[in-house]
Amino acid sequence: MILSGACLFMAIMSTAFGQVFYKKYSLDKRQAYLALTLGFFLINPVFSFLALKNISVDIVYVSTSLTILTVAVLSRIFLGEIIPTRTWAAIAIIVAGVVIYAF
């Protein structure tokens, strides 16, 4: 179960990093960013599959909605983007929904 939880975490992180690196690629067209984007997006299904071995599909599916939180934080760190208050409010609602669903 711990391995599946780690795989779910890695699936969320690989999606988020793929999105951030794709934005980096769109800003300055460096091929390294495109390669990283493709790498993260290609490894994501592997982590998702491994997570589904011991975690039900409904929990995995709902948990992937946390990707927006991860992308917002990574965008702030790596891209210097300002995240509007309205976005943080929406993220809080999503996180609350995930917590309510999980319990």
Protein backbone atom coordinates (compact mmCIF):
# COMPACT_ATOMS: atom_id res chain seq x y z
CA MET A 1 0.00 0.00 0.00
CA ILE A 2 2.86 2.39 0.78
CA LEU A 3 4.42 1.71 -2.62
CA SER A 4 1.09 2.42 -4.31
CA GLY A 5 0.76 5.68 -2.37
CA ALA A 6 4.26 6.67 -3.46
CA CYS A 7 3.35 5.83 -7.06
CA LEU A 8 0.21 7.97 -6.81
CA PHE A 9 2.34 10.84 -5.48
CA MET A 10 4.81 10.36 -8.34
CA ALA A 11 1.96 10.30 -10.88
CA ILE A 12 0.72 13.66 -9.57
CA MET A 13 4.23 15.11 -9.50
CA SER A 14 5.15 13.85 -12.97
CA THR A 15 2.02 15.45 -14.43
CA ALA A 16 2.75 18.72 -12.65
CA PHE A 17 6.41 18.81 -13.68
CA GLY A 18 5.43 17.93 -17.24
CA GLN A 19 3.08 20.91 -17.35
CA VAL A 20 5.64 23.29 -15.84
CA PHE A 21 8.40 22.19 -18.22
CA TYR A 22 6.03 22.51 -21.15
CA LYS A 23 5.36 26.12 -20.13
CA LYS A 24 9.13 26.67 -19.85
CA TYR A 25 9.51 25.23 -23.35
CA SER A 26 6.79 27.49 -24.73
CA LEU A 27 8.57 30.53 -23.28
CA ASP A 28 12.09 29.95 -24.59
CA LYS A 29 11.92 26.96 -27.00
CA ARG A 30 14.86 25.05 -25.50
CA GLN A 31 14.78 21.42 -26.62
CA ALA A 32 15.83 20.23 -23.15
CA TYR A 33 12.53 21.48 -21.73
CA LEU A 34 10.60 19.64 -24.42
CA ALA A 35 12.54 16.45 -23.68
CA LEU A 36 11.79 16.79 -19.96
CA THR A 37 8.12 17.44 -20.74
CA LEU A 38 7.88 14.29 -22.83
CA GLY A 39 9.77 12.27 -20.25
CA PHE A 40 7.45 13.28 -17.43
CA PHE A 41 4.32 12.69 -19.49
CA LEU A 42 5.57 9.30 -20.68
CA ILE A 43 6.43 8.04 -17.19
CA ASN A 44 3.09 9.18 -15.74
CA PRO A 45 0.98 6.20 -16.95
CA VAL A 46 3.48 3.80 -15.38
CA PHE A 47 3.10 5.45 -11.97
CA SER A 48 -0.68 5.62 -12.38
CA PHE A 49 -0.85 1.92 -13.25
CA LEU A 50 1.28 0.97 -10.25
CA ALA A 51 -0.86 3.14 -7.96
CA LEU A 52 -3.98 1.39 -9.19
CA LYS A 53 -2.63 -2.01 -8.14
CA ASN A 54 -3.59 -1.40 -4.48
CA ILE A 55 -5.62 1.82 -4.46
CA SER A 56 -9.14 1.97 -5.85
CA VAL A 57 -9.69 3.86 -9.07
CA ASP A 58 -12.01 6.39 -7.41
CA ILE A 59 -9.35 7.46 -4.89
CA VAL A 60 -6.66 7.66 -7.59
CA TYR A 61 -8.92 9.66 -9.89
CA VAL A 62 -9.99 12.12 -7.19
CA SER A 63 -6.41 12.47 -5.93
CA THR A 64 -5.18 13.51 -9.36
CA SER A 65 -7.22 16.71 -8.96
CA LEU A 66 -4.47 17.78 -6.55
CA THR A 67 -2.28 18.29 -9.61
CA ILE A 68 -3.58 21.87 -9.89
CA LEU A 69 -2.20 22.63 -6.41
CA THR A 70 1.14 21.14 -7.35
CA VAL A 71 1.29 23.04 -10.65
CA ALA A 72 0.48 26.32 -8.89
CA VAL A 73 3.26 25.82 -6.34
CA LEU A 74 5.79 24.70 -8.96
CA SER A 75 4.85 27.60 -11.25
CA ARG A 76 5.49 30.01 -8.41
CA ILE A 77 8.86 28.41 -7.62
CA PHE A 78 10.22 27.74 -11.12
CA LEU A 79 8.45 30.33 -13.27
CA GLY A 80 8.00 33.13 -10.77
CA GLU A 81 4.30 33.34 -11.56
CA ILE A 82 1.99 35.22 -9.24
CA ILE A 83 -0.93 33.01 -8.24
CA PRO A 84 -4.11 35.08 -7.78
CA THR A 85 -6.16 34.84 -4.59
CA ARG A 86 -9.10 33.52 -6.58
CA THR A 87 -6.96 30.61 -7.76
CA TRP A 88 -5.89 29.81 -4.21
CA ALA A 89 -9.55 29.87 -3.15
CA ALA A 90 -10.41 27.41 -5.93
CA ILE A 91 -7.51 25.18 -4.89
CA ALA A 92 -8.75 25.24 -1.28
CA ILE A 93 -12.16 24.03 -2.46
CA ILE A 94 -10.55 21.24 -4.48
CA VAL A 95 -8.40 20.13 -1.54
CA ALA A 96 -11.44 20.20 0.75
CA GLY A 97 -13.32 18.05 -1.76
CA VAL A 98 -10.50 15.51 -1.90
CA VAL A 99 -10.31 15.34 1.89
CA ILE A 100 -14.09 14.96 2.25
CA TYR A 101 -14.17 12.25 -0.42
CA ALA A 102 -11.24 10.36 1.12
CA PHE A 103 -12.90 10.19 4.52
